[in-house]
Amino acid sequence: TATAPELEAKLNQSLNGIEKLVFD
């Protein structure tokens, strides 16, 4: 709960034009 918003914000900034998203 404490860290999910940070990840969500980074994803929202980064996914434009991305065709493959890999979570490690």
PDBML (XML) file of the C-alpha atoms, coordinates in Angstrom:
<?xml version="1.0" encoding="UTF-8" ?>
<PDBx:datablock datablockName="MODEL"
   xmlns:PDBx="http://pdbml.pdb.org/schema/pdbx-v50.xsd"
   xmlns:xsi="http://www.w3.org/2001/XMLSchema-instance"
   xsi:schemaLocation="http://pdbml.pdb.org/schema/pdbx-v50.xsd pdbx-v50.xsd">
   <PDBx:atom_siteCategory>
      <PDBx:atom_site id="1">
         <PDBx:B_iso_or_equiv>0.00</PDBx:B_iso_or_equiv>
         <PDBx:Cartn_x>0.000</PDBx:Cartn_x>
         <PDBx:Cartn_y>0.000</PDBx:Cartn_y>
         <PDBx:Cartn_z>0.000</PDBx:Cartn_z>
         <PDBx:auth_asym_id>A</PDBx:auth_asym_id>
         <PDBx:auth_atom_id>CA</PDBx:auth_atom_id>
         <PDBx:auth_comp_id>THR</PDBx:auth_comp_id>
         <PDBx:auth_seq_id>1</PDBx:auth_seq_id>
         <PDBx:group_PDB>ATOM</PDBx:group_PDB>
         <PDBx:label_alt_id xsi:nil="true" />
         <PDBx:label_asym_id>A</PDBx:label_asym_id>
         <PDBx:label_atom_id>CA</PDBx:label_atom_id>
         <PDBx:label_comp_id>THR</PDBx:label_comp_id>
         <PDBx:label_entity_id>1</PDBx:label_entity_id>
         <PDBx:label_seq_id>1</PDBx:label_seq_id>
         <PDBx:occupancy>1.00</PDBx:occupancy>
         <PDBx:pdbx_PDB_model_num>1</PDBx:pdbx_PDB_model_num>
         <PDBx:type_symbol>C</PDBx:type_symbol>
      </PDBx:atom_site>
      <PDBx:atom_site id="2">
         <PDBx:B_iso_or_equiv>0.00</PDBx:B_iso_or_equiv>
         <PDBx:Cartn_x>2.830</PDBx:Cartn_x>
         <PDBx:Cartn_y>2.411</PDBx:Cartn_y>
         <PDBx:Cartn_z>0.794</PDBx:Cartn_z>
         <PDBx:auth_asym_id>A</PDBx:auth_asym_id>
         <PDBx:auth_atom_id>CA</PDBx:auth_atom_id>
         <PDBx:auth_comp_id>ALA</PDBx:auth_comp_id>
         <PDBx:auth_seq_id>2</PDBx:auth_seq_id>
         <PDBx:group_PDB>ATOM</PDBx:group_PDB>
         <PDBx:label_alt_id xsi:nil="true" />
         <PDBx:label_asym_id>A</PDBx:label_asym_id>
         <PDBx:label_atom_id>CA</PDBx:label_atom_id>
         <PDBx:label_comp_id>ALA</PDBx:label_comp_id>
         <PDBx:label_entity_id>1</PDBx:label_entity_id>
         <PDBx:label_seq_id>2</PDBx:label_seq_id>
         <PDBx:occupancy>1.00</PDBx:occupancy>
         <PDBx:pdbx_PDB_model_num>1</PDBx:pdbx_PDB_model_num>
         <PDBx:type_symbol>C</PDBx:type_symbol>
      </PDBx:atom_site>
      <PDBx:atom_site id="3">
         <PDBx:B_iso_or_equiv>0.00</PDBx:B_iso_or_equiv>
         <PDBx:Cartn_x>4.889</PDBx:Cartn_x>
         <PDBx:Cartn_y>1.762</PDBx:Cartn_y>
         <PDBx:Cartn_z>-2.356</PDBx:Cartn_z>
         <PDBx:auth_asym_id>A</PDBx:auth_asym_id>
         <PDBx:auth_atom_id>CA</PDBx:auth_atom_id>
         <PDBx:auth_comp_id>THR</PDBx:auth_comp_id>
         <PDBx:auth_seq_id>3</PDBx:auth_seq_id>
         <PDBx:group_PDB>ATOM</PDBx:group_PDB>
         <PDBx:label_alt_id xsi:nil="true" />
         <PDBx:label_asym_id>A</PDBx:label_asym_id>
         <PDBx:label_atom_id>CA</PDBx:label_atom_id>
         <PDBx:label_comp_id>THR</PDBx:label_comp_id>
         <PDBx:label_entity_id>1</PDBx:label_entity_id>
         <PDBx:label_seq_id>3</PDBx:label_seq_id>
         <PDBx:occupancy>1.00</PDBx:occupancy>
         <PDBx:pdbx_PDB_model_num>1</PDBx:pdbx_PDB_model_num>
         <PDBx:type_symbol>C</PDBx:type_symbol>
      </PDBx:atom_site>
      <PDBx:atom_site id="4">
         <PDBx:B_iso_or_equiv>0.00</PDBx:B_iso_or_equiv>
         <PDBx:Cartn_x>2.281</PDBx:Cartn_x>
         <PDBx:Cartn_y>0.879</PDBx:Cartn_y>
         <PDBx:Cartn_z>-5.012</PDBx:Cartn_z>
         <PDBx:auth_asym_id>A</PDBx:auth_asym_id>
         <PDBx:auth_atom_id>CA</PDBx:auth_atom_id>
         <PDBx:auth_comp_id>ALA</PDBx:auth_comp_id>
         <PDBx:auth_seq_id>4</PDBx:auth_seq_id>
         <PDBx:group_PDB>ATOM</PDBx:group_PDB>
         <PDBx:label_alt_id xsi:nil="true" />
         <PDBx:label_asym_id>A</PDBx:label_asym_id>
         <PDBx:label_atom_id>CA</PDBx:label_atom_id>
         <PDBx:label_comp_id>ALA</PDBx:label_comp_id>
         <PDBx:label_entity_id>1</PDBx:label_entity_id>
         <PDBx:label_seq_id>4</PDBx:label_seq_id>
         <PDBx:occupancy>1.00</PDBx:occupancy>
         <PDBx:pdbx_PDB_model_num>1</PDBx:pdbx_PDB_model_num>
         <PDBx:type_symbol>C</PDBx:type_symbol>
      </PDBx:atom_site>
      <PDBx:atom_site id="5">
         <PDBx:B_iso_or_equiv>0.00</PDBx:B_iso_or_equiv>
         <PDBx:Cartn_x>1.436</PDBx:Cartn_x>
         <PDBx:Cartn_y>4.539</PDBx:Cartn_y>
         <PDBx:Cartn_z>-5.817</PDBx:Cartn_z>
         <PDBx:auth_asym_id>A</PDBx:auth_asym_id>
         <PDBx:auth_atom_id>CA</PDBx:auth_atom_id>
         <PDBx:auth_comp_id>PRO</PDBx:auth_comp_id>
         <PDBx:auth_seq_id>5</PDBx:auth_seq_id>
         <PDBx:group_PDB>ATOM</PDBx:group_PDB>
         <PDBx:label_alt_id xsi:nil="true" />
         <PDBx:label_asym_id>A</PDBx:label_asym_id>
         <PDBx:label_atom_id>CA</PDBx:label_atom_id>
         <PDBx:label_comp_id>PRO</PDBx:label_comp_id>
         <PDBx:label_entity_id>1</PDBx:label_entity_id>
         <PDBx:label_seq_id>5</PDBx:label_seq_id>
         <PDBx:occupancy>1.00</PDBx:occupancy>
         <PDBx:pdbx_PDB_model_num>1</PDBx:pdbx_PDB_model_num>
         <PDBx:type_symbol>C</PDBx:type_symbol>
      </PDBx:atom_site>
      <PDBx:atom_site id="6">
         <PDBx:B_iso_or_equiv>0.00</PDBx:B_iso_or_equiv>
         <PDBx:Cartn_x>5.102</PDBx:Cartn_x>
         <PDBx:Cartn_y>5.233</PDBx:Cartn_y>
         <PDBx:Cartn_z>-6.604</PDBx:Cartn_z>
         <PDBx:auth_asym_id>A</PDBx:auth_asym_id>
         <PDBx:auth_atom_id>CA</PDBx:auth_atom_id>
         <PDBx:auth_comp_id>GLU</PDBx:auth_comp_id>
         <PDBx:auth_seq_id>6</PDBx:auth_seq_id>
         <PDBx:group_PDB>ATOM</PDBx:group_PDB>
         <PDBx:label_alt_id xsi:nil="true" />
         <PDBx:label_asym_id>A</PDBx:label_asym_id>
         <PDBx:label_atom_id>CA</PDBx:label_atom_id>
         <PDBx:label_comp_id>GLU</PDBx:label_comp_id>
         <PDBx:label_entity_id>1</PDBx:label_entity_id>
         <PDBx:label_seq_id>6</PDBx:label_seq_id>
         <PDBx:occupancy>1.00</PDBx:occupancy>
         <PDBx:pdbx_PDB_model_num>1</PDBx:pdbx_PDB_model_num>
         <PDBx:type_symbol>C</PDBx:type_symbol>
      </PDBx:atom_site>
      <PDBx:atom_site id="7">
         <PDBx:B_iso_or_equiv>0.00</PDBx:B_iso_or_equiv>
         <PDBx:Cartn_x>5.253</PDBx:Cartn_x>
         <PDBx:Cartn_y>2.302</PDBx:Cartn_y>
         <PDBx:Cartn_z>-9.033</PDBx:Cartn_z>
         <PDBx:auth_asym_id>A</PDBx:auth_asym_id>
         <PDBx:auth_atom_id>CA</PDBx:auth_atom_id>
         <PDBx:auth_comp_id>LEU</PDBx:auth_comp_id>
         <PDBx:auth_seq_id>7</PDBx:auth_seq_id>
         <PDBx:group_PDB>ATOM</PDBx:group_PDB>
         <PDBx:label_alt_id xsi:nil="true" />
         <PDBx:label_asym_id>A</PDBx:label_asym_id>
         <PDBx:label_atom_id>CA</PDBx:label_atom_id>
         <PDBx:label_comp_id>LEU</PDBx:label_comp_id>
         <PDBx:label_entity_id>1</PDBx:label_entity_id>
         <PDBx:label_seq_id>7</PDBx:label_seq_id>
         <PDBx:occupancy>1.00</PDBx:occupancy>
         <PDBx:pdbx_PDB_model_num>1</PDBx:pdbx_PDB_model_num>
         <PDBx:type_symbol>C</PDBx:type_symbol>
      </PDBx:atom_site>
      <PDBx:atom_site id="8">
         <PDBx:B_iso_or_equiv>0.00</PDBx:B_iso_or_equiv>
         <PDBx:Cartn_x>1.952</PDBx:Cartn_x>
         <PDBx:Cartn_y>3.310</PDBx:Cartn_y>
         <PDBx:Cartn_z>-10.606</PDBx:Cartn_z>
         <PDBx:auth_asym_id>A</PDBx:auth_asym_id>
         <PDBx:auth_atom_id>CA</PDBx:auth_atom_id>
         <PDBx:auth_comp_id>GLU</PDBx:auth_comp_id>
         <PDBx:auth_seq_id>8</PDBx:auth_seq_id>
         <PDBx:group_PDB>ATOM</PDBx:group_PDB>
         <PDBx:label_alt_id xsi:nil="true" />
         <PDBx:label_asym_id>A</PDBx:label_asym_id>
         <PDBx:label_atom_id>CA</PDBx:label_atom_id>
         <PDBx:label_comp_id>GLU</PDBx:label_comp_id>
         <PDBx:label_entity_id>1</PDBx:label_entity_id>
         <PDBx:label_seq_id>8</PDBx:label_seq_id>
         <PDBx:occupancy>1.00</PDBx:occupancy>
         <PDBx:pdbx_PDB_model_num>1</PDBx:pdbx_PDB_model_num>
         <PDBx:type_symbol>C</PDBx:type_symbol>
      </PDBx:atom_site>
      <PDBx:atom_site id="9">
         <PDBx:B_iso_or_equiv>0.00</PDBx:B_iso_or_equiv>
         <PDBx:Cartn_x>3.223</PDBx:Cartn_x>
         <PDBx:Cartn_y>6.872</PDBx:Cartn_y>
         <PDBx:Cartn_z>-11.157</PDBx:Cartn_z>
         <PDBx:auth_asym_id>A</PDBx:auth_asym_id>
         <PDBx:auth_atom_id>CA</PDBx:auth_atom_id>
         <PDBx:auth_comp_id>ALA</PDBx:auth_comp_id>
         <PDBx:auth_seq_id>9</PDBx:auth_seq_id>
         <PDBx:group_PDB>ATOM</PDBx:group_PDB>
         <PDBx:label_alt_id xsi:nil="true" />
         <PDBx:label_asym_id>A</PDBx:label_asym_id>
         <PDBx:label_atom_id>CA</PDBx:label_atom_id>
         <PDBx:label_comp_id>ALA</PDBx:label_comp_id>
         <PDBx:label_entity_id>1</PDBx:label_entity_id>
         <PDBx:label_seq_id>9</PDBx:label_seq_id>
         <PDBx:occupancy>1.00</PDBx:occupancy>
         <PDBx:pdbx_PDB_model_num>1</PDBx:pdbx_PDB_model_num>
         <PDBx:type_symbol>C</PDBx:type_symbol>
      </PDBx:atom_site>
      <PDBx:atom_site id="10">
         <PDBx:B_iso_or_equiv>0.00</PDBx:B_iso_or_equiv>
         <PDBx:Cartn_x>6.461</PDBx:Cartn_x>
         <PDBx:Cartn_y>5.633</PDBx:Cartn_y>
         <PDBx:Cartn_z>-12.752</PDBx:Cartn_z>
         <PDBx:auth_asym_id>A</PDBx:auth_asym_id>
         <PDBx:auth_atom_id>CA</PDBx:auth_atom_id>
         <PDBx:auth_comp_id>LYS</PDBx:auth_comp_id>
         <PDBx:auth_seq_id>10</PDBx:auth_seq_id>
         <PDBx:group_PDB>ATOM</PDBx:group_PDB>
         <PDBx:label_alt_id xsi:nil="true" />
         <PDBx:label_asym_id>A</PDBx:label_asym_id>
         <PDBx:label_atom_id>CA</PDBx:label_atom_id>
         <PDBx:label_comp_id>LYS</PDBx:label_comp_id>
         <PDBx:label_entity_id>1</PDBx:label_entity_id>
         <PDBx:label_seq_id>10</PDBx:label_seq_id>
         <PDBx:occupancy>1.00</PDBx:occupancy>
         <PDBx:pdbx_PDB_model_num>1</PDBx:pdbx_PDB_model_num>
         <PDBx:type_symbol>C</PDBx:type_symbol>
      </PDBx:atom_site>
      <PDBx:atom_site id="11">
         <PDBx:B_iso_or_equiv>0.00</PDBx:B_iso_or_equiv>
         <PDBx:Cartn_x>4.519</PDBx:Cartn_x>
         <PDBx:Cartn_y>3.309</PDBx:Cartn_y>
         <PDBx:Cartn_z>-15.045</PDBx:Cartn_z>
         <PDBx:auth_asym_id>A</PDBx:auth_asym_id>
         <PDBx:auth_atom_id>CA</PDBx:auth_atom_id>
         <PDBx:auth_comp_id>LEU</PDBx:auth_comp_id>
         <PDBx:auth_seq_id>11</PDBx:auth_seq_id>
         <PDBx:group_PDB>ATOM</PDBx:group_PDB>
         <PDBx:label_alt_id xsi:nil="true" />
         <PDBx:label_asym_id>A</PDBx:label_asym_id>
         <PDBx:label_atom_id>CA</PDBx:label_atom_id>
         <PDBx:label_comp_id>LEU</PDBx:label_comp_id>
         <PDBx:label_entity_id>1</PDBx:label_entity_id>
         <PDBx:label_seq_id>11</PDBx:label_seq_id>
         <PDBx:occupancy>1.00</PDBx:occupancy>
         <PDBx:pdbx_PDB_model_num>1</PDBx:pdbx_PDB_model_num>
         <PDBx:type_symbol>C</PDBx:type_symbol>
      </PDBx:atom_site>
      <PDBx:atom_site id="12">
         <PDBx:B_iso_or_equiv>0.00</PDBx:B_iso_or_equiv>
         <PDBx:Cartn_x>2.136</PDBx:Cartn_x>
         <PDBx:Cartn_y>6.074</PDBx:Cartn_y>
         <PDBx:Cartn_z>-16.095</PDBx:Cartn_z>
         <PDBx:auth_asym_id>A</PDBx:auth_asym_id>
         <PDBx:auth_atom_id>CA</PDBx:auth_atom_id>
         <PDBx:auth_comp_id>ASN</PDBx:auth_comp_id>
         <PDBx:auth_seq_id>12</PDBx:auth_seq_id>
         <PDBx:group_PDB>ATOM</PDBx:group_PDB>
         <PDBx:label_alt_id xsi:nil="true" />
         <PDBx:label_asym_id>A</PDBx:label_asym_id>
         <PDBx:label_atom_id>CA</PDBx:label_atom_id>
         <PDBx:label_comp_id>ASN</PDBx:label_comp_id>
         <PDBx:label_entity_id>1</PDBx:label_entity_id>
         <PDBx:label_seq_id>12</PDBx:label_seq_id>
         <PDBx:occupancy>1.00</PDBx:occupancy>
         <PDBx:pdbx_PDB_model_num>1</PDBx:pdbx_PDB_model_num>
         <PDBx:type_symbol>C</PDBx:type_symbol>
      </PDBx:atom_site>
      <PDBx:atom_site id="13">
         <PDBx:B_iso_or_equiv>0.00</PDBx:B_iso_or_equiv>
         <PDBx:Cartn_x>5.133</PDBx:Cartn_x>
         <PDBx:Cartn_y>8.232</PDBx:Cartn_y>
         <PDBx:Cartn_z>-17.049</PDBx:Cartn_z>
         <PDBx:auth_asym_id>A</PDBx:auth_asym_id>
         <PDBx:auth_atom_id>CA</PDBx:auth_atom_id>
         <PDBx:auth_comp_id>GLN</PDBx:auth_comp_id>
         <PDBx:auth_seq_id>13</PDBx:auth_seq_id>
         <PDBx:group_PDB>ATOM</PDBx:group_PDB>
         <PDBx:label_alt_id xsi:nil="true" />
         <PDBx:label_asym_id>A</PDBx:label_asym_id>
         <PDBx:label_atom_id>CA</PDBx:label_atom_id>
         <PDBx:label_comp_id>GLN</PDBx:label_comp_id>
         <PDBx:label_entity_id>1</PDBx:label_entity_id>
         <PDBx:label_seq_id>13</PDBx:label_seq_id>
         <PDBx:occupancy>1.00</PDBx:occupancy>
         <PDBx:pdbx_PDB_model_num>1</PDBx:pdbx_PDB_model_num>
         <PDBx:type_symbol>C</PDBx:type_symbol>
      </PDBx:atom_site>
      <PDBx:atom_site id="14">
         <PDBx:B_iso_or_equiv>0.00</PDBx:B_iso_or_equiv>
         <PDBx:Cartn_x>6.940</PDBx:Cartn_x>
         <PDBx:Cartn_y>5.448</PDBx:Cartn_y>
         <PDBx:Cartn_z>-18.897</PDBx:Cartn_z>
         <PDBx:auth_asym_id>A</PDBx:auth_asym_id>
         <PDBx:auth_atom_id>CA</PDBx:auth_atom_id>
         <PDBx:auth_comp_id>SER</PDBx:auth_comp_id>
         <PDBx:auth_seq_id>14</PDBx:auth_seq_id>
         <PDBx:group_PDB>ATOM</PDBx:group_PDB>
         <PDBx:label_alt_id xsi:nil="true" />
         <PDBx:label_asym_id>A</PDBx:label_asym_id>
         <PDBx:label_atom_id>CA</PDBx:label_atom_id>
         <PDBx:label_comp_id>SER</PDBx:label_comp_id>
         <PDBx:label_entity_id>1</PDBx:label_entity_id>
         <PDBx:label_seq_id>14</PDBx:label_seq_id>
         <PDBx:occupancy>1.00</PDBx:occupancy>
         <PDBx:pdbx_PDB_model_num>1</PDBx:pdbx_PDB_model_num>
         <PDBx:type_symbol>C</PDBx:type_symbol>
      </PDBx:atom_site>
      <PDBx:atom_site id="15">
         <PDBx:B_iso_or_equiv>0.00</PDBx:B_iso_or_equiv>
         <PDBx:Cartn_x>4.497</PDBx:Cartn_x>
         <PDBx:Cartn_y>3.265</PDBx:Cartn_y>
         <PDBx:Cartn_z>-20.859</PDBx:Cartn_z>
         <PDBx:auth_asym_id>A</PDBx:auth_asym_id>
         <PDBx:auth_atom_id>CA</PDBx:auth_atom_id>
         <PDBx:auth_comp_id>LEU</PDBx:auth_comp_id>
         <PDBx:auth_seq_id>15</PDBx:auth_seq_id>
         <PDBx:group_PDB>ATOM</PDBx:group_PDB>
         <PDBx:label_alt_id xsi:nil="true" />
         <PDBx:label_asym_id>A</PDBx:label_asym_id>
         <PDBx:label_atom_id>CA</PDBx:label_atom_id>
         <PDBx:label_comp_id>LEU</PDBx:label_comp_id>
         <PDBx:label_entity_id>1</PDBx:label_entity_id>
         <PDBx:label_seq_id>15</PDBx:label_seq_id>
         <PDBx:occupancy>1.00</PDBx:occupancy>
         <PDBx:pdbx_PDB_model_num>1</PDBx:pdbx_PDB_model_num>
         <PDBx:type_symbol>C</PDBx:type_symbol>
      </PDBx:atom_site>
      <PDBx:atom_site id="16">
         <PDBx:B_iso_or_equiv>0.00</PDBx:B_iso_or_equiv>
         <PDBx:Cartn_x>3.839</PDBx:Cartn_x>
         <PDBx:Cartn_y>5.574</PDBx:Cartn_y>
         <PDBx:Cartn_z>-23.806</PDBx:Cartn_z>
         <PDBx:auth_asym_id>A</PDBx:auth_asym_id>
         <PDBx:auth_atom_id>CA</PDBx:auth_atom_id>
         <PDBx:auth_comp_id>ASN</PDBx:auth_comp_id>
         <PDBx:auth_seq_id>16</PDBx:auth_seq_id>
         <PDBx:group_PDB>ATOM</PDBx:group_PDB>
         <PDBx:label_alt_id xsi:nil="true" />
         <PDBx:label_asym_id>A</PDBx:label_asym_id>
         <PDBx:label_atom_id>CA</PDBx:label_atom_id>
         <PDBx:label_comp_id>ASN</PDBx:label_comp_id>
         <PDBx:label_entity_id>1</PDBx:label_entity_id>
         <PDBx:label_seq_id>16</PDBx:label_seq_id>
         <PDBx:occupancy>1.00</PDBx:occupancy>
         <PDBx:pdbx_PDB_model_num>1</PDBx:pdbx_PDB_model_num>
         <PDBx:type_symbol>C</PDBx:type_symbol>
      </PDBx:atom_site>
      <PDBx:atom_site id="17">
         <PDBx:B_iso_or_equiv>0.00</PDBx:B_iso_or_equiv>
         <PDBx:Cartn_x>5.236</PDBx:Cartn_x>
         <PDBx:Cartn_y>3.851</PDBx:Cartn_y>
         <PDBx:Cartn_z>-26.911</PDBx:Cartn_z>
         <PDBx:auth_asym_id>A</PDBx:auth_asym_id>
         <PDBx:auth_atom_id>CA</PDBx:auth_atom_id>
         <PDBx:auth_comp_id>GLY</PDBx:auth_comp_id>
         <PDBx:auth_seq_id>17</PDBx:auth_seq_id>
         <PDBx:group_PDB>ATOM</PDBx:group_PDB>
         <PDBx:label_alt_id xsi:nil="true" />
         <PDBx:label_asym_id>A</PDBx:label_asym_id>
         <PDBx:label_atom_id>CA</PDBx:label_atom_id>
         <PDBx:label_comp_id>GLY</PDBx:label_comp_id>
         <PDBx:label_entity_id>1</PDBx:label_entity_id>
         <PDBx:label_seq_id>17</PDBx:label_seq_id>
         <PDBx:occupancy>1.00</PDBx:occupancy>
         <PDBx:pdbx_PDB_model_num>1</PDBx:pdbx_PDB_model_num>
         <PDBx:type_symbol>C</PDBx:type_symbol>
      </PDBx:atom_site>
      <PDBx:atom_site id="18">
         <PDBx:B_iso_or_equiv>0.00</PDBx:B_iso_or_equiv>
         <PDBx:Cartn_x>6.342</PDBx:Cartn_x>
         <PDBx:Cartn_y>0.742</PDBx:Cartn_y>
         <PDBx:Cartn_z>-25.016</PDBx:Cartn_z>
         <PDBx:auth_asym_id>A</PDBx:auth_asym_id>
         <PDBx:auth_atom_id>CA</PDBx:auth_atom_id>
         <PDBx:auth_comp_id>ILE</PDBx:auth_comp_id>
         <PDBx:auth_seq_id>18</PDBx:auth_seq_id>
         <PDBx:group_PDB>ATOM</PDBx:group_PDB>
         <PDBx:label_alt_id xsi:nil="true" />
         <PDBx:label_asym_id>A</PDBx:label_asym_id>
         <PDBx:label_atom_id>CA</PDBx:label_atom_id>
         <PDBx:label_comp_id>ILE</PDBx:label_comp_id>
         <PDBx:label_entity_id>1</PDBx:label_entity_id>
         <PDBx:label_seq_id>18</PDBx:label_seq_id>
         <PDBx:occupancy>1.00</PDBx:occupancy>
         <PDBx:pdbx_PDB_model_num>1</PDBx:pdbx_PDB_model_num>
         <PDBx:type_symbol>C</PDBx:type_symbol>
      </PDBx:atom_site>
      <PDBx:atom_site id="19">
         <PDBx:B_iso_or_equiv>0.00</PDBx:B_iso_or_equiv>
         <PDBx:Cartn_x>5.516</PDBx:Cartn_x>
         <PDBx:Cartn_y>-2.555</PDBx:Cartn_y>
         <PDBx:Cartn_z>-26.729</PDBx:Cartn_z>
         <PDBx:auth_asym_id>A</PDBx:auth_asym_id>
         <PDBx:auth_atom_id>CA</PDBx:auth_atom_id>
         <PDBx:auth_comp_id>GLU</PDBx:auth_comp_id>
         <PDBx:auth_seq_id>19</PDBx:auth_seq_id>
         <PDBx:group_PDB>ATOM</PDBx:group_PDB>
         <PDBx:label_alt_id xsi:nil="true" />
         <PDBx:label_asym_id>A</PDBx:label_asym_id>
         <PDBx:label_atom_id>CA</PDBx:label_atom_id>
         <PDBx:label_comp_id>GLU</PDBx:label_comp_id>
         <PDBx:label_entity_id>1</PDBx:label_entity_id>
         <PDBx:label_seq_id>19</PDBx:label_seq_id>
         <PDBx:occupancy>1.00</PDBx:occupancy>
         <PDBx:pdbx_PDB_model_num>1</PDBx:pdbx_PDB_model_num>
         <PDBx:type_symbol>C</PDBx:type_symbol>
      </PDBx:atom_site>
      <PDBx:atom_site id="20">
         <PDBx:B_iso_or_equiv>0.00</PDBx:B_iso_or_equiv>
         <PDBx:Cartn_x>7.056</PDBx:Cartn_x>
         <PDBx:Cartn_y>-4.925</PDBx:Cartn_y>
         <PDBx:Cartn_z>-24.184</PDBx:Cartn_z>
         <PDBx:auth_asym_id>A</PDBx:auth_asym_id>
         <PDBx:auth_atom_id>CA</PDBx:auth_atom_id>
         <PDBx:auth_comp_id>LYS</PDBx:auth_comp_id>
         <PDBx:auth_seq_id>20</PDBx:auth_seq_id>
         <PDBx:group_PDB>ATOM</PDBx:group_PDB>
         <PDBx:label_alt_id xsi:nil="true" />
         <PDBx:label_asym_id>A</PDBx:label_asym_id>
         <PDBx:label_atom_id>CA</PDBx:label_atom_id>
         <PDBx:label_comp_id>LYS</PDBx:label_comp_id>
         <PDBx:label_entity_id>1</PDBx:label_entity_id>
         <PDBx:label_seq_id>20</PDBx:label_seq_id>
         <PDBx:occupancy>1.00</PDBx:occupancy>
         <PDBx:pdbx_PDB_model_num>1</PDBx:pdbx_PDB_model_num>
         <PDBx:type_symbol>C</PDBx:type_symbol>
      </PDBx:atom_site>
      <PDBx:atom_site id="21">
         <PDBx:B_iso_or_equiv>0.00</PDBx:B_iso_or_equiv>
         <PDBx:Cartn_x>6.948</PDBx:Cartn_x>
         <PDBx:Cartn_y>-4.430</PDBx:Cartn_y>
         <PDBx:Cartn_z>-20.413</PDBx:Cartn_z>
         <PDBx:auth_asym_id>A</PDBx:auth_asym_id>
         <PDBx:auth_atom_id>CA</PDBx:auth_atom_id>
         <PDBx:auth_comp_id>LEU</PDBx:auth_comp_id>
         <PDBx:auth_seq_id>21</PDBx:auth_seq_id>
         <PDBx:group_PDB>ATOM</PDBx:group_PDB>
         <PDBx:label_alt_id xsi:nil="true" />
         <PDBx:label_asym_id>A</PDBx:label_asym_id>
         <PDBx:label_atom_id>CA</PDBx:label_atom_id>
         <PDBx:label_comp_id>LEU</PDBx:label_comp_id>
         <PDBx:label_entity_id>1</PDBx:label_entity_id>
         <PDBx:label_seq_id>21</PDBx:label_seq_id>
         <PDBx:occupancy>1.00</PDBx:occupancy>
         <PDBx:pdbx_PDB_model_num>1</PDBx:pdbx_PDB_model_num>
         <PDBx:type_symbol>C</PDBx:type_symbol>
      </PDBx:atom_site>
      <PDBx:atom_site id="22">
         <PDBx:B_iso_or_equiv>0.00</PDBx:B_iso_or_equiv>
         <PDBx:Cartn_x>9.046</PDBx:Cartn_x>
         <PDBx:Cartn_y>-6.770</PDBx:Cartn_y>
         <PDBx:Cartn_z>-18.276</PDBx:Cartn_z>
         <PDBx:auth_asym_id>A</PDBx:auth_asym_id>
         <PDBx:auth_atom_id>CA</PDBx:auth_atom_id>
         <PDBx:auth_comp_id>VAL</PDBx:auth_comp_id>
         <PDBx:auth_seq_id>22</PDBx:auth_seq_id>
         <PDBx:group_PDB>ATOM</PDBx:group_PDB>
         <PDBx:label_alt_id xsi:nil="true" />
         <PDBx:label_asym_id>A</PDBx:label_asym_id>
         <PDBx:label_atom_id>CA</PDBx:label_atom_id>
         <PDBx:label_comp_id>VAL</PDBx:label_comp_id>
         <PDBx:label_entity_id>1</PDBx:label_entity_id>
         <PDBx:label_seq_id>22</PDBx:label_seq_id>
         <PDBx:occupancy>1.00</PDBx:occupancy>
         <PDBx:pdbx_PDB_model_num>1</PDBx:pdbx_PDB_model_num>
         <PDBx:type_symbol>C</PDBx:type_symbol>
      </PDBx:atom_site>
      <PDBx:atom_site id="23">
         <PDBx:B_iso_or_equiv>0.00</PDBx:B_iso_or_equiv>
         <PDBx:Cartn_x>8.839</PDBx:Cartn_x>
         <PDBx:Cartn_y>-6.890</PDBx:Cartn_y>
         <PDBx:Cartn_z>-14.491</PDBx:Cartn_z>
         <PDBx:auth_asym_id>A</PDBx:auth_asym_id>
         <PDBx:auth_atom_id>CA</PDBx:auth_atom_id>
         <PDBx:auth_comp_id>PHE</PDBx:auth_comp_id>
         <PDBx:auth_seq_id>23</PDBx:auth_seq_id>
         <PDBx:group_PDB>ATOM</PDBx:group_PDB>
         <PDBx:label_alt_id xsi:nil="true" />
         <PDBx:label_asym_id>A</PDBx:label_asym_id>
         <PDBx:label_atom_id>CA</PDBx:label_atom_id>
         <PDBx:label_comp_id>PHE</PDBx:label_comp_id>
         <PDBx:label_entity_id>1</PDBx:label_entity_id>
         <PDBx:label_seq_id>23</PDBx:label_seq_id>
         <PDBx:occupancy>1.00</PDBx:occupancy>
         <PDBx:pdbx_PDB_model_num>1</PDBx:pdbx_PDB_model_num>
         <PDBx:type_symbol>C</PDBx:type_symbol>
      </PDBx:atom_site>
      <PDBx:atom_site id="24">
         <PDBx:B_iso_or_equiv>0.00</PDBx:B_iso_or_equiv>
         <PDBx:Cartn_x>11.835</PDBx:Cartn_x>
         <PDBx:Cartn_y>-8.484</PDBx:Cartn_y>
         <PDBx:Cartn_z>-12.768</PDBx:Cartn_z>
         <PDBx:auth_asym_id>A</PDBx:auth_asym_id>
         <PDBx:auth_atom_id>CA</PDBx:auth_atom_id>
         <PDBx:auth_comp_id>ASP</PDBx:auth_comp_id>
         <PDBx:auth_seq_id>24</PDBx:auth_seq_id>
         <PDBx:group_PDB>ATOM</PDBx:group_PDB>
         <PDBx:label_alt_id xsi:nil="true" />
         <PDBx:label_asym_id>A</PDBx:label_asym_id>
         <PDBx:label_atom_id>CA</PDBx:label_atom_id>
         <PDBx:label_comp_id>ASP</PDBx:label_comp_id>
         <PDBx:label_entity_id>1</PDBx:label_entity_id>
         <PDBx:label_seq_id>24</PDBx:label_seq_id>
         <PDBx:occupancy>1.00</PDBx:occupancy>
         <PDBx:pdbx_PDB_model_num>1</PDBx:pdbx_PDB_model_num>
         <PDBx:type_symbol>C</PDBx:type_symbol>
      </PDBx:atom_site>
   </PDBx:atom_siteCategory>
</PDBx:datablock>
